[in-house]
Amino acid sequence: MTLLYDTIASLYLEKGLDVMTLSQMGIKIKQLRLRQQRTQQEIANECGISKSLLSKIENGQTSSAIATLSKISKELNVPLAWLLEDTPEQNLVLQTKNQRESKVGDVHMGYSYELLANKSKYSGVEPTIVHVLPKDLNLREETYTHSHDEFIYMLKGSMKLLYDEKKYVMHTGDTAYFEGTKPHLFIPIDNEGAEVLTLFIENNK
């Protein structure tokens, strides 16, 4: 895993993106869980993940897919943005590109992502840029599901959107809106990768 992580980290460092430690996010999840007096097994069961995976997330030992973090945030009753960021709530959140931190995933996630703003822990929208890994580095085959709706806008490159067992080719400038409860996956079609502006929107159904 270390070799794979280093490979992906090097790839994004070449693009001028910062590699962020996972330990701070893990500590935040653990502290929130303990404040709610809940066990790892209880949270893991409700999220449909193993206790071992949750333990690794809390200890900062593994990269976490947005879908997994979405399930954890929902179970802990906090928005995804609050879980990912540790900044004070403000009426205006302004970040330069150099100030923005990159969350780097691994080949098993199939992408990395940057959180663009942390408006409020009560906000129902989390804007991100998803970096779809090049085809030769992307090992992800299993689809994701989560509780948020998604709006996506193709910033750069091309990919296939696998949604509810159907594939749709998307190019720069294309958009889509879909419910995250249906199985979905971003599939690279070449070694250029892709960049996707993604809005995760709380679904109150």
N, C-alpha and C. Protein backbone atom coordinates (compact mmCIF):
# COMPACT_ATOMS: atom_id res chain seq x y z
N MET A 1 0.83 -1.21 0.00
CA MET A 1 0.00 0.00 0.00
C MET A 1 0.86 1.25 0.00
N THR A 2 2.02 1.20 0.72
CA THR A 2 2.88 2.37 0.76
C THR A 2 3.42 2.70 -0.62
N LEU A 3 3.85 1.65 -1.36
CA LEU A 3 4.36 1.87 -2.71
C LEU A 3 3.29 2.47 -3.61
N LEU A 4 2.08 1.94 -3.53
CA LEU A 4 0.98 2.46 -4.34
C LEU A 4 0.69 3.90 -3.98
N TYR A 5 0.66 4.19 -2.68
CA TYR A 5 0.39 5.56 -2.24
C TYR A 5 1.47 6.51 -2.75
N ASP A 6 2.73 6.08 -2.65
CA ASP A 6 3.83 6.93 -3.10
C ASP A 6 3.74 7.19 -4.60
N THR A 7 3.31 6.19 -5.36
CA THR A 7 3.16 6.36 -6.81
C THR A 7 2.13 7.42 -7.12
N ILE A 8 0.95 7.32 -6.46
CA ILE A 8 -0.11 8.30 -6.70
C ILE A 8 0.29 9.67 -6.17
N ALA A 9 0.93 9.70 -5.01
CA ALA A 9 1.36 10.98 -4.44
C ALA A 9 2.32 11.69 -5.38
N SER A 10 3.27 10.93 -5.97
CA SER A 10 4.23 11.52 -6.90
C SER A 10 3.52 12.08 -8.12
N LEU A 11 2.52 11.34 -8.61
CA LEU A 11 1.76 11.78 -9.77
C LEU A 11 1.13 13.15 -9.53
N TYR A 12 0.51 13.32 -8.37
CA TYR A 12 -0.18 14.58 -8.11
C TYR A 12 0.76 15.69 -7.69
N LEU A 13 1.90 15.35 -7.09
CA LEU A 13 2.88 16.37 -6.78
C LEU A 13 3.44 16.98 -8.06
N GLU A 14 3.58 16.14 -9.10
CA GLU A 14 4.04 16.63 -10.39
C GLU A 14 3.05 17.64 -10.98
N LYS A 15 1.76 17.51 -10.60
CA LYS A 15 0.74 18.42 -11.09
C LYS A 15 0.58 19.64 -10.19
N GLY A 16 1.43 19.74 -9.14
CA GLY A 16 1.38 20.90 -8.26
C GLY A 16 0.35 20.79 -7.16
N LEU A 17 -0.14 19.57 -6.87
CA LEU A 17 -1.14 19.37 -5.83
C LEU A 17 -0.45 18.91 -4.54
N ASP A 18 -0.96 19.36 -3.41
CA ASP A 18 -0.40 18.97 -2.12
C ASP A 18 -0.97 17.65 -1.65
N VAL A 19 -0.13 16.87 -0.99
CA VAL A 19 -0.57 15.60 -0.41
C VAL A 19 -0.89 15.83 1.06
N MET A 20 -2.08 15.51 1.45
CA MET A 20 -2.53 15.78 2.81
C MET A 20 -2.55 14.51 3.64
N THR A 21 -2.11 14.62 4.90
CA THR A 21 -2.16 13.48 5.81
C THR A 21 -3.60 13.11 6.12
N LEU A 22 -3.84 11.83 6.38
CA LEU A 22 -5.18 11.34 6.68
C LEU A 22 -5.46 11.32 8.18
N SER A 23 -4.41 11.54 8.99
CA SER A 23 -4.56 11.36 10.43
C SER A 23 -5.54 12.35 11.06
N GLN A 24 -5.55 13.60 10.59
CA GLN A 24 -6.42 14.61 11.18
C GLN A 24 -7.89 14.26 10.98
N MET A 25 -8.22 13.80 9.77
CA MET A 25 -9.60 13.41 9.50
C MET A 25 -10.00 12.21 10.36
N GLY A 26 -9.07 11.26 10.51
CA GLY A 26 -9.36 10.08 11.31
C GLY A 26 -9.61 10.41 12.77
N ILE A 27 -8.81 11.32 13.30
CA ILE A 27 -8.98 11.74 14.69
C ILE A 27 -10.35 12.40 14.88
N LYS A 28 -10.74 13.19 13.90
CA LYS A 28 -12.03 13.88 13.99
C LYS A 28 -13.18 12.89 14.02
N ILE A 29 -13.11 11.87 13.17
CA ILE A 29 -14.15 10.84 13.16
C ILE A 29 -14.21 10.11 14.50
N LYS A 30 -13.05 9.75 15.01
CA LYS A 30 -12.99 9.02 16.27
C LYS A 30 -13.55 9.84 17.42
N GLN A 31 -13.14 11.11 17.50
CA GLN A 31 -13.61 11.97 18.59
C GLN A 31 -15.12 12.15 18.55
N LEU A 32 -15.65 12.34 17.35
CA LEU A 32 -17.09 12.51 17.20
C LEU A 32 -17.83 11.23 17.59
N ARG A 33 -17.30 10.09 17.18
CA ARG A 33 -17.92 8.81 17.53
C ARG A 33 -17.93 8.60 19.05
N LEU A 34 -16.81 8.91 19.69
CA LEU A 34 -16.72 8.72 21.14
C LEU A 34 -17.64 9.67 21.89
N ARG A 35 -17.79 10.92 21.37
CA ARG A 35 -18.71 11.87 22.02
C ARG A 35 -20.15 11.36 21.96
N GLN A 36 -20.45 10.61 20.91
CA GLN A 36 -21.79 10.04 20.78
C GLN A 36 -21.92 8.70 21.49
N GLN A 37 -20.82 8.27 22.15
CA GLN A 37 -20.80 7.02 22.91
C GLN A 37 -21.22 5.82 22.04
N ARG A 38 -20.59 5.75 20.88
CA ARG A 38 -20.89 4.67 19.95
C ARG A 38 -19.62 3.87 19.67
N THR A 39 -19.77 2.59 19.41
CA THR A 39 -18.63 1.72 19.17
C THR A 39 -18.27 1.69 17.69
N GLN A 40 -17.04 1.28 17.41
CA GLN A 40 -16.62 1.10 16.02
C GLN A 40 -17.51 0.08 15.32
N GLN A 41 -17.84 -1.00 16.01
CA GLN A 41 -18.64 -2.05 15.40
C GLN A 41 -20.02 -1.54 15.02
N GLU A 42 -20.61 -0.71 15.88
CA GLU A 42 -21.94 -0.16 15.61
C GLU A 42 -21.93 0.72 14.36
N ILE A 43 -20.94 1.63 14.28
CA ILE A 43 -20.85 2.52 13.13
C ILE A 43 -20.56 1.73 11.87
N ALA A 44 -19.64 0.79 11.96
CA ALA A 44 -19.27 -0.03 10.80
C ALA A 44 -20.47 -0.80 10.27
N ASN A 45 -21.24 -1.38 11.16
CA ASN A 45 -22.42 -2.16 10.75
C ASN A 45 -23.42 -1.28 10.02
N GLU A 46 -23.67 -0.09 10.55
CA GLU A 46 -24.65 0.81 9.94
C GLU A 46 -24.18 1.34 8.58
N CYS A 47 -22.86 1.45 8.42
CA CYS A 47 -22.30 1.98 7.17
C CYS A 47 -22.02 0.89 6.14
N GLY A 48 -22.15 -0.35 6.56
CA GLY A 48 -21.90 -1.45 5.63
C GLY A 48 -20.42 -1.66 5.32
N ILE A 49 -19.56 -1.34 6.29
CA ILE A 49 -18.12 -1.55 6.13
C ILE A 49 -17.62 -2.41 7.29
N SER A 50 -16.40 -2.86 7.19
CA SER A 50 -15.85 -3.69 8.27
C SER A 50 -15.34 -2.82 9.41
N LYS A 51 -15.32 -3.41 10.61
CA LYS A 51 -14.76 -2.71 11.76
C LYS A 51 -13.29 -2.41 11.53
N SER A 52 -12.60 -3.32 10.87
CA SER A 52 -11.18 -3.15 10.57
C SER A 52 -10.94 -1.92 9.70
N LEU A 53 -11.80 -1.74 8.68
CA LEU A 53 -11.65 -0.57 7.80
C LEU A 53 -11.89 0.71 8.57
N LEU A 54 -12.93 0.75 9.41
CA LEU A 54 -13.21 1.95 10.19
C LEU A 54 -12.05 2.27 11.13
N SER A 55 -11.47 1.24 11.71
CA SER A 55 -10.32 1.43 12.60
C SER A 55 -9.14 2.05 11.85
N LYS A 56 -8.91 1.56 10.63
CA LYS A 56 -7.82 2.11 9.82
C LYS A 56 -8.09 3.56 9.44
N ILE A 57 -9.36 3.87 9.14
CA ILE A 57 -9.72 5.26 8.81
C ILE A 57 -9.47 6.17 10.00
N GLU A 58 -9.90 5.74 11.19
CA GLU A 58 -9.74 6.54 12.40
C GLU A 58 -8.27 6.74 12.75
N ASN A 59 -7.43 5.77 12.39
CA ASN A 59 -6.01 5.85 12.71
C ASN A 59 -5.19 6.45 11.57
N GLY A 60 -5.89 6.93 10.52
CA GLY A 60 -5.19 7.55 9.41
C GLY A 60 -4.32 6.61 8.62
N GLN A 61 -4.70 5.33 8.56
CA GLN A 61 -3.87 4.32 7.91
C GLN A 61 -4.34 3.97 6.51
N THR A 62 -5.45 4.56 6.04
CA THR A 62 -5.94 4.24 4.71
C THR A 62 -6.68 5.43 4.11
N SER A 63 -6.61 5.55 2.80
CA SER A 63 -7.40 6.55 2.09
C SER A 63 -8.85 6.11 2.05
N SER A 64 -9.77 7.06 2.11
CA SER A 64 -11.18 6.74 2.16
C SER A 64 -11.93 7.33 0.99
N ALA A 65 -12.74 6.53 0.34
CA ALA A 65 -13.55 7.01 -0.77
C ALA A 65 -14.62 7.98 -0.25
N ILE A 66 -15.01 8.92 -1.09
CA ILE A 66 -16.05 9.88 -0.69
C ILE A 66 -17.33 9.14 -0.32
N ALA A 67 -17.63 8.05 -1.06
CA ALA A 67 -18.85 7.29 -0.76
C ALA A 67 -18.82 6.75 0.66
N THR A 68 -17.65 6.23 1.07
CA THR A 68 -17.51 5.70 2.44
C THR A 68 -17.63 6.81 3.46
N LEU A 69 -16.95 7.94 3.21
CA LEU A 69 -17.02 9.06 4.14
C LEU A 69 -18.42 9.64 4.21
N SER A 70 -19.14 9.59 3.11
CA SER A 70 -20.53 10.06 3.09
C SER A 70 -21.39 9.22 4.02
N LYS A 71 -21.20 7.91 3.99
CA LYS A 71 -21.97 7.02 4.86
C LYS A 71 -21.62 7.26 6.33
N ILE A 72 -20.33 7.45 6.60
CA ILE A 72 -19.90 7.71 7.98
C ILE A 72 -20.46 9.03 8.48
N SER A 73 -20.38 10.07 7.65
CA SER A 73 -20.89 11.39 8.06
C SER A 73 -22.39 11.34 8.32
N LYS A 74 -23.11 10.60 7.47
CA LYS A 74 -24.55 10.48 7.66
C LYS A 74 -24.86 9.77 8.98
N GLU A 75 -24.11 8.71 9.26
CA GLU A 75 -24.36 7.95 10.50
C GLU A 75 -24.00 8.76 11.74
N LEU A 76 -23.00 9.65 11.62
CA LEU A 76 -22.61 10.50 12.74
C LEU A 76 -23.41 11.80 12.77
N ASN A 77 -24.32 11.95 11.79
CA ASN A 77 -25.24 13.09 11.75
C ASN A 77 -24.53 14.43 11.57
N VAL A 78 -23.52 14.43 10.68
CA VAL A 78 -22.85 15.68 10.32
C VAL A 78 -22.69 15.71 8.80
N PRO A 79 -22.65 16.91 8.18
CA PRO A 79 -22.42 16.99 6.74
C PRO A 79 -21.02 16.50 6.37
N LEU A 80 -20.88 16.07 5.16
CA LEU A 80 -19.60 15.56 4.68
C LEU A 80 -18.51 16.61 4.76
N ALA A 81 -18.83 17.87 4.41
CA ALA A 81 -17.82 18.94 4.42
C ALA A 81 -17.25 19.15 5.82
N TRP A 82 -18.10 19.08 6.84
CA TRP A 82 -17.64 19.27 8.23
C TRP A 82 -16.68 18.16 8.61
N LEU A 83 -16.93 16.97 8.10
CA LEU A 83 -16.08 15.83 8.41
C LEU A 83 -14.70 15.98 7.78
N LEU A 84 -14.67 16.54 6.57
CA LEU A 84 -13.43 16.62 5.81
C LEU A 84 -12.56 17.81 6.19
N GLU A 85 -13.18 18.89 6.65
CA GLU A 85 -12.42 20.09 6.92
C GLU A 85 -12.50 20.48 8.39
N ASP A 86 -11.47 21.16 8.86
CA ASP A 86 -11.41 21.59 10.26
C ASP A 86 -11.18 23.09 10.32
N THR A 87 -12.02 23.83 9.59
CA THR A 87 -11.91 25.29 9.57
C THR A 87 -13.14 25.92 10.21
N PRO A 88 -13.00 27.11 10.78
CA PRO A 88 -14.15 27.77 11.43
C PRO A 88 -15.24 28.08 10.41
N GLU A 89 -16.48 28.08 10.88
CA GLU A 89 -17.59 28.45 10.01
C GLU A 89 -17.55 29.95 9.72
N GLN A 90 -17.79 30.32 8.46
CA GLN A 90 -17.73 31.71 8.06
C GLN A 90 -18.87 32.01 7.09
N ASN A 91 -19.21 33.30 6.98
CA ASN A 91 -20.21 33.71 5.99
C ASN A 91 -19.62 33.68 4.58
N LEU A 92 -18.30 33.94 4.50
CA LEU A 92 -17.61 33.89 3.22
C LEU A 92 -16.41 32.97 3.35
N VAL A 93 -16.29 32.03 2.43
CA VAL A 93 -15.12 31.16 2.37
C VAL A 93 -14.43 31.41 1.04
N LEU A 94 -13.25 32.01 1.08
CA LEU A 94 -12.50 32.31 -0.13
C LEU A 94 -11.14 31.64 -0.04
N GLN A 95 -10.81 30.84 -1.04
CA GLN A 95 -9.53 30.14 -1.06
C GLN A 95 -8.83 30.38 -2.39
N THR A 96 -7.54 30.68 -2.34
CA THR A 96 -6.75 30.69 -3.56
C THR A 96 -6.38 29.25 -3.89
N LYS A 97 -5.96 29.03 -5.13
CA LYS A 97 -5.58 27.68 -5.53
C LYS A 97 -4.46 27.14 -4.67
N ASN A 98 -3.50 28.00 -4.31
CA ASN A 98 -2.36 27.56 -3.51
C ASN A 98 -2.75 27.22 -2.08
N GLN A 99 -3.86 27.80 -1.59
CA GLN A 99 -4.31 27.52 -0.23
C GLN A 99 -5.11 26.23 -0.14
N ARG A 100 -5.63 25.80 -1.27
CA ARG A 100 -6.50 24.62 -1.26
C ARG A 100 -5.69 23.36 -1.10
N GLU A 101 -6.12 22.50 -0.21
CA GLU A 101 -5.42 21.25 0.04
C GLU A 101 -6.02 20.14 -0.79
N SER A 102 -5.18 19.24 -1.26
CA SER A 102 -5.63 18.11 -2.07
C SER A 102 -5.71 16.86 -1.20
N LYS A 103 -6.84 16.17 -1.29
CA LYS A 103 -6.99 14.88 -0.62
C LYS A 103 -6.62 13.81 -1.65
N VAL A 104 -5.55 13.09 -1.40
CA VAL A 104 -5.09 12.13 -2.38
C VAL A 104 -5.61 10.74 -2.04
N GLY A 105 -6.24 10.10 -3.00
CA GLY A 105 -6.72 8.73 -2.81
C GLY A 105 -5.68 7.74 -3.26
N ASP A 106 -6.11 6.57 -3.67
CA ASP A 106 -5.18 5.58 -4.18
C ASP A 106 -5.80 4.85 -5.36
N VAL A 107 -5.05 3.91 -5.93
CA VAL A 107 -5.52 3.22 -7.13
C VAL A 107 -6.78 2.41 -6.88
N HIS A 108 -7.01 2.04 -5.63
CA HIS A 108 -8.20 1.25 -5.31
C HIS A 108 -9.46 2.12 -5.21
N MET A 109 -9.29 3.41 -4.94
CA MET A 109 -10.41 4.33 -4.95
C MET A 109 -10.74 4.76 -6.37
N GLY A 110 -9.72 4.91 -7.21
CA GLY A 110 -9.92 5.31 -8.59
C GLY A 110 -9.86 6.81 -8.82
N TYR A 111 -9.67 7.60 -7.76
CA TYR A 111 -9.62 9.05 -7.90
C TYR A 111 -9.05 9.68 -6.64
N SER A 112 -8.73 10.95 -6.74
CA SER A 112 -8.49 11.77 -5.55
C SER A 112 -9.44 12.96 -5.64
N TYR A 113 -9.54 13.73 -4.58
CA TYR A 113 -10.48 14.84 -4.61
C TYR A 113 -9.98 16.01 -3.79
N GLU A 114 -10.38 17.20 -4.21
CA GLU A 114 -10.10 18.45 -3.50
C GLU A 114 -11.41 19.03 -3.00
N LEU A 115 -11.48 19.38 -1.73
CA LEU A 115 -12.66 20.07 -1.21
C LEU A 115 -12.50 21.56 -1.47
N LEU A 116 -13.46 22.17 -2.15
CA LEU A 116 -13.33 23.56 -2.59
C LEU A 116 -13.74 24.56 -1.53
N ALA A 117 -14.64 24.20 -0.63
CA ALA A 117 -15.11 25.15 0.38
C ALA A 117 -15.77 24.40 1.52
N ASN A 118 -15.71 24.98 2.70
CA ASN A 118 -16.41 24.44 3.86
C ASN A 118 -17.33 25.54 4.37
N LYS A 119 -18.47 25.69 3.71
CA LYS A 119 -19.37 26.81 4.03
C LYS A 119 -19.87 26.74 5.46
N SER A 120 -20.37 25.59 5.86
CA SER A 120 -20.92 25.44 7.20
C SER A 120 -21.17 23.98 7.46
N LYS A 121 -21.06 23.59 8.71
CA LYS A 121 -21.36 22.19 9.01
C LYS A 121 -22.85 21.90 8.85
N TYR A 122 -23.65 22.95 8.67
CA TYR A 122 -25.08 22.76 8.44
C TYR A 122 -25.45 22.93 6.96
N SER A 123 -24.45 23.20 6.12
CA SER A 123 -24.70 23.36 4.69
C SER A 123 -25.00 22.01 4.06
N GLY A 124 -25.88 22.04 3.05
CA GLY A 124 -26.26 20.78 2.41
C GLY A 124 -25.54 20.52 1.11
N VAL A 125 -24.51 21.33 0.79
CA VAL A 125 -23.79 21.18 -0.47
C VAL A 125 -22.29 21.14 -0.20
N GLU A 126 -21.61 20.17 -0.80
CA GLU A 126 -20.15 20.08 -0.69
C GLU A 126 -19.54 20.10 -2.09
N PRO A 127 -18.95 21.22 -2.52
CA PRO A 127 -18.31 21.27 -3.84
C PRO A 127 -16.91 20.68 -3.80
N THR A 128 -16.58 19.85 -4.77
CA THR A 128 -15.27 19.22 -4.85
C THR A 128 -14.81 19.17 -6.29
N ILE A 129 -13.50 18.99 -6.46
CA ILE A 129 -12.95 18.61 -7.77
C ILE A 129 -12.45 17.18 -7.63
N VAL A 130 -13.00 16.30 -8.45
CA VAL A 130 -12.58 14.90 -8.45
C VAL A 130 -11.57 14.71 -9.58
N HIS A 131 -10.42 14.14 -9.23
CA HIS A 131 -9.39 13.83 -10.21
C HIS A 131 -9.44 12.34 -10.51
N VAL A 132 -9.97 11.99 -11.68
CA VAL A 132 -10.07 10.58 -12.07
C VAL A 132 -8.70 10.11 -12.52
N LEU A 133 -8.23 9.03 -11.93
CA LEU A 133 -6.89 8.54 -12.24
C LEU A 133 -6.78 8.04 -13.68
N PRO A 134 -5.59 8.16 -14.28
CA PRO A 134 -5.37 7.60 -15.61
C PRO A 134 -5.69 6.10 -15.65
N LYS A 135 -6.05 5.63 -16.81
CA LYS A 135 -6.51 4.26 -16.99
C LYS A 135 -5.53 3.23 -16.45
N ASP A 136 -4.24 3.40 -16.71
CA ASP A 136 -3.24 2.41 -16.31
C ASP A 136 -3.00 2.38 -14.80
N LEU A 137 -3.40 3.43 -14.08
CA LEU A 137 -3.21 3.48 -12.63
C LEU A 137 -4.48 3.17 -11.86
N ASN A 138 -5.60 3.11 -12.56
CA ASN A 138 -6.90 2.99 -11.90
C ASN A 138 -7.29 1.53 -11.77
N LEU A 139 -7.39 1.05 -10.53
CA LEU A 139 -7.75 -0.35 -10.27
C LEU A 139 -9.19 -0.52 -9.82
N ARG A 140 -9.94 0.58 -9.77
CA ARG A 140 -11.30 0.51 -9.22
C ARG A 140 -12.27 -0.12 -10.21
N GLU A 141 -13.00 -1.14 -9.76
CA GLU A 141 -14.03 -1.77 -10.57
C GLU A 141 -15.39 -1.78 -9.86
N GLU A 142 -15.36 -1.77 -8.54
CA GLU A 142 -16.61 -1.81 -7.76
C GLU A 142 -17.27 -0.44 -7.75
N THR A 143 -18.57 -0.41 -7.93
CA THR A 143 -19.31 0.86 -7.94
C THR A 143 -19.48 1.42 -6.53
N TYR A 144 -19.83 2.69 -6.46
CA TYR A 144 -20.09 3.38 -5.20
C TYR A 144 -21.59 3.65 -5.04
N THR A 145 -22.03 3.74 -3.80
CA THR A 145 -23.36 4.28 -3.48
C THR A 145 -23.21 5.14 -2.22
N HIS A 146 -24.04 6.16 -2.10
CA HIS A 146 -24.05 7.00 -0.90
C HIS A 146 -25.37 7.75 -0.85
N SER A 147 -25.56 8.55 0.19
CA SER A 147 -26.86 9.18 0.44
C SER A 147 -27.05 10.51 -0.28
N HIS A 148 -25.99 11.08 -0.87
CA HIS A 148 -26.08 12.39 -1.50
C HIS A 148 -26.50 12.29 -2.97
N ASP A 149 -27.16 13.34 -3.46
CA ASP A 149 -27.29 13.53 -4.90
C ASP A 149 -25.96 14.09 -5.41
N GLU A 150 -25.69 13.94 -6.72
CA GLU A 150 -24.47 14.49 -7.30
C GLU A 150 -24.79 15.29 -8.56
N PHE A 151 -24.17 16.45 -8.67
CA PHE A 151 -24.13 17.18 -9.92
C PHE A 151 -22.68 17.20 -10.37
N ILE A 152 -22.41 16.81 -11.62
CA ILE A 152 -21.04 16.80 -12.10
C ILE A 152 -20.91 17.61 -13.38
N TYR A 153 -19.76 18.29 -13.50
CA TYR A 153 -19.43 19.09 -14.68
C TYR A 153 -18.01 18.73 -15.09
N MET A 154 -17.84 18.27 -16.33
CA MET A 154 -16.54 17.84 -16.81
C MET A 154 -15.65 19.05 -17.08
N LEU A 155 -14.65 19.24 -16.23
CA LEU A 155 -13.73 20.36 -16.39
C LEU A 155 -12.66 20.08 -17.44
N LYS A 156 -12.20 18.83 -17.48
CA LYS A 156 -11.07 18.49 -18.34
C LYS A 156 -11.08 17.00 -18.64
N GLY A 157 -10.81 16.63 -19.87
CA GLY A 157 -10.68 15.23 -20.23
C GLY A 157 -12.00 14.55 -20.53
N SER A 158 -11.94 13.23 -20.60
CA SER A 158 -13.11 12.42 -20.89
C SER A 158 -13.15 11.21 -19.96
N MET A 159 -14.34 10.66 -19.78
CA MET A 159 -14.51 9.47 -18.96
C MET A 159 -15.84 8.83 -19.31
N LYS A 160 -16.05 7.64 -18.76
CA LYS A 160 -17.36 7.00 -18.83
C LYS A 160 -18.00 7.08 -17.45
N LEU A 161 -19.26 7.51 -17.41
CA LEU A 161 -20.03 7.46 -16.18
C LEU A 161 -20.84 6.17 -16.19
N LEU A 162 -20.50 5.27 -15.29
CA LEU A 162 -21.29 4.05 -15.11
C LEU A 162 -22.35 4.36 -14.07
N TYR A 163 -23.60 4.32 -14.47
CA TYR A 163 -24.69 4.65 -13.55
C TYR A 163 -25.82 3.65 -13.71
N ASP A 164 -26.14 2.97 -12.64
CA ASP A 164 -27.25 2.02 -12.63
C ASP A 164 -27.12 1.01 -13.78
N GLU A 165 -25.90 0.48 -13.94
CA GLU A 165 -25.56 -0.57 -14.91
C GLU A 165 -25.52 -0.10 -16.36
N LYS A 166 -25.59 1.22 -16.61
CA LYS A 166 -25.45 1.76 -17.96
C LYS A 166 -24.26 2.70 -18.01
N LYS A 167 -23.57 2.75 -19.18
CA LYS A 167 -22.39 3.57 -19.34
C LYS A 167 -22.68 4.76 -20.27
N TYR A 168 -22.19 5.93 -19.85
CA TYR A 168 -22.38 7.16 -20.63
C TYR A 168 -21.02 7.84 -20.80
N VAL A 169 -20.63 8.09 -22.05
CA VAL A 169 -19.37 8.77 -22.32
C VAL A 169 -19.55 10.27 -22.10
N MET A 170 -18.64 10.88 -21.34
CA MET A 170 -18.72 12.30 -21.04
C MET A 170 -17.41 12.98 -21.42
N HIS A 171 -17.52 14.18 -22.00
CA HIS A 171 -16.36 14.95 -22.43
C HIS A 171 -16.38 16.33 -21.76
N THR A 172 -15.32 17.07 -21.93
CA THR A 172 -15.20 18.41 -21.35
C THR A 172 -16.45 19.25 -21.66
N GLY A 173 -17.03 19.84 -20.61
CA GLY A 173 -18.22 20.66 -20.76
C GLY A 173 -19.52 19.94 -20.53
N ASP A 174 -19.51 18.60 -20.50
CA ASP A 174 -20.73 17.84 -20.27
C ASP A 174 -21.11 17.87 -18.79
N THR A 175 -22.40 17.71 -18.51
CA THR A 175 -22.89 17.70 -17.13
C THR A 175 -23.83 16.52 -16.90
N ALA A 176 -24.03 16.21 -15.62
CA ALA A 176 -24.99 15.18 -15.24
C ALA A 176 -25.44 15.43 -13.81
N TYR A 177 -26.65 15.01 -13.51
CA TYR A 177 -27.20 15.10 -12.15
C TYR A 177 -27.82 13.74 -11.84
N PHE A 178 -27.49 13.16 -10.70
CA PHE A 178 -28.02 11.83 -10.41
C PHE A 178 -28.08 11.59 -8.90
N GLU A 179 -28.86 10.60 -8.53
CA GLU A 179 -28.99 10.19 -7.13
C GLU A 179 -27.85 9.24 -6.77
N GLY A 180 -27.17 9.54 -5.68
CA GLY A 180 -26.04 8.73 -5.27
C GLY A 180 -26.42 7.36 -4.73
N THR A 181 -27.71 7.14 -4.49
CA THR A 181 -28.14 5.84 -3.96
C THR A 181 -28.07 4.74 -5.02
N LYS A 182 -27.98 5.14 -6.30
CA LYS A 182 -27.83 4.16 -7.37
C LYS A 182 -26.34 3.87 -7.57
N PRO A 183 -25.97 2.62 -7.88
CA PRO A 183 -24.55 2.29 -8.09
C PRO A 183 -23.95 3.12 -9.22
N HIS A 184 -22.78 3.70 -8.99
CA HIS A 184 -22.15 4.54 -10.00
C HIS A 184 -20.63 4.52 -9.86
N LEU A 185 -19.97 4.90 -10.94
CA LEU A 185 -18.50 4.88 -10.96
C LEU A 185 -18.01 5.74 -12.11
N PHE A 186 -16.92 6.49 -11.87
CA PHE A 186 -16.24 7.23 -12.93
C PHE A 186 -15.16 6.32 -13.51
N ILE A 187 -15.23 6.04 -14.81
CA ILE A 187 -14.30 5.12 -15.45
C ILE A 187 -13.42 5.87 -16.45
N PRO A 188 -12.09 5.85 -16.27
CA PRO A 188 -11.21 6.53 -17.22
C PRO A 188 -11.20 5.81 -18.56
N ILE A 189 -11.07 6.57 -19.64
CA ILE A 189 -11.03 5.94 -20.96
C ILE A 189 -9.67 6.08 -21.62
N ASP A 190 -8.75 6.82 -20.97
CA ASP A 190 -7.40 6.96 -21.51
C ASP A 190 -6.45 7.27 -20.35
N ASN A 191 -5.19 7.51 -20.68
CA ASN A 191 -4.19 7.77 -19.66
C ASN A 191 -3.99 9.26 -19.38
N GLU A 192 -4.92 10.08 -19.85
CA GLU A 192 -4.89 11.50 -19.54
C GLU A 192 -5.63 11.80 -18.24
N GLY A 193 -6.47 10.86 -17.81
CA GLY A 193 -7.29 11.11 -16.63
C GLY A 193 -8.38 12.13 -16.94
N ALA A 194 -9.03 12.62 -15.89
CA ALA A 194 -10.09 13.62 -16.07
C ALA A 194 -10.25 14.41 -14.78
N GLU A 195 -10.76 15.64 -14.91
CA GLU A 195 -11.08 16.47 -13.75
C GLU A 195 -12.57 16.80 -13.80
N VAL A 196 -13.24 16.58 -12.68
CA VAL A 196 -14.70 16.70 -12.64
C VAL A 196 -15.11 17.57 -11.46
N LEU A 197 -15.78 18.69 -11.75
CA LEU A 197 -16.38 19.48 -10.68
C LEU A 197 -17.61 18.73 -10.19
N THR A 198 -17.63 18.40 -8.91
CA THR A 198 -18.71 17.57 -8.36
C THR A 198 -19.33 18.26 -7.16
N LEU A 199 -20.65 18.40 -7.18
CA LEU A 199 -21.39 18.93 -6.04
C LEU A 199 -22.12 17.78 -5.37
N PHE A 200 -21.80 17.52 -4.11
CA PHE A 200 -22.52 16.54 -3.32
C PHE A 200 -23.62 17.27 -2.57
N ILE A 201 -24.87 16.89 -2.82
CA ILE A 201 -26.02 17.62 -2.33
C ILE A 201 -26.86 16.74 -1.41
N GLU A 202 -27.10 17.23 -0.20
CA GLU A 202 -27.89 16.48 0.76
C GLU A 202 -29.26 16.16 0.17
N ASN A 203 -29.66 14.90 0.27
CA ASN A 203 -30.96 14.45 -0.21
C ASN A 203 -31.84 14.24 1.01
N ASN A 204 -32.88 15.05 1.15
CA ASN A 204 -33.74 15.01 2.33
C ASN A 204 -35.00 14.16 2.14
N LYS A 205 -34.98 13.30 1.13
CA LYS A 205 -36.15 12.44 0.87
C LYS A 205 -36.35 11.48 2.04
